[in-house]
Amino acid sequence: MTLQSHEDRFQKPSESEASILSYVLRNRGTTQPEIARSCDLSQQTVSRLVNELVDRGALAQGGRKSSGRRGQPSVTINIAPDYAYSLGIALMTDAMSVLLMDFAGNVVDYDYVAMPVMTRKAVFDRLGGVKQRFLDRTPSARERLTGVGIGISGYCLDGKSRYNPPRALDDWAMVPIDEVFSDALSLPAWVENDANAAAIGESFLGAGRDHANFVYVFMAAGLGGGVVSNHRLMRGTHGNGGEIGLILPWRLFQLPTLETLLQSIRKAGVDLDGISNMVSDFDPDWPGVDEWIEKSRDPLSLIASAIAALLDPEVIVLGGRLPKSLAQKIIPAIELFDDARRQEPRPLPKIIISQTHVDACAIGAAIIPLEQKFFATML
């Protein structure tokens, strides 16, 4: 199947249609009056566009919902899940995760593959089989697969698709990753920093449903982040916006990462193979966890306070590969610095746990092809 056939299969939505699709994705079970108010479109325009999108199979009508006012309840509008699908891939230092996502943002299938080496050959040797299993189990996705999104750790070099990742990902360094995947899978491909990818997923499927402005703190082997302002990802001049780990003077603080957590737990006597093993079996009562939290409190407080001062977001989201039970323990320890002037101090963002599930980076990566083709763009 050629890339051109993928491009031709779906009708490109207009700007207003993309705005409607994006709103409905974030607000499931919405109604035409709600769409009109939120998208700044007339009721007549919304009615016409929604009907056209329903006819094309992108939207589906549901039951009726009362507005609390007098009159006939409005018909609810939802994304039609099987209209389109995408693949999301997270390239980590010790593993690869792959998922199949439908048009409504549901994870249809998922596989986590531990990888002793992360060369291009090793990844594609495994990826072909994973993709085939996904399509065998969901035949409707075979002809409606729109593309693949890839999330990878590291700094962007050209503002597009060349990255400088950790040593374990040497084979992916300084090459156009989107072209490499597109050639291998015969699919349109997009690549993004893992933290930015996770922030995109959070915007559409997590905290972004309630908060248009937030900062995503991505905790994995390293520490990164993504900044979302008015539902748009702030990538920066070179694609490296949100690198919050670089806020810390590294000689003064222990980096609050899952790598330093692993070291702390191992030092306390718990035998773990690596980060993946630690995350999958995580016990918040393991020895070494509380010591790591104590050492991470000050650097995380500095990062969160800098975020609050510079960006003034609604919320700060802790996510990445961070176990939720660990996030619940560490959030109360984080302090947002404030001078508490007079009786009414400045409003501060709330720190919350990521609301996406399964795999933050792979979910965000899978959203990217759908976002680029159908939804109001974040990038």
Foldseek 3Di string as FASTA:
>chain_A
DAQVLLVPPDDFDDLLQQALLLLCLLPPFAFLVVSCVVSVHDSVVSVVSLVVCVVLVQKDWDDFDQPPDDDDTTITIHGRFLQAKEKFWEDDLFWIKIFIGTLSLDTPDIDIGGHPADAPVRVLVVVVVVVVVSCVVPVSHPSRYNFFFYEYAAFFDALFAAGDHDPSHVNRHGDRVQVSVCVSPNHRYGYAHLQQLLVLLCLRPNPVSPFQWEKEWAAEQATWIWTGHSNATCLDPRRRPTRLQVVDPCVVADGLHLNVQVVQLVVVPDDAPDSVRCLVPPDCPRHRNVVSLVRVQVVQLVSQQVCCVPPVGQAYEYDHSDRPVSVVVNQVSHDHDFPCPDPDTDDTHYYYYIGDDDGSRRSSRRVVSSQVRRHNHND
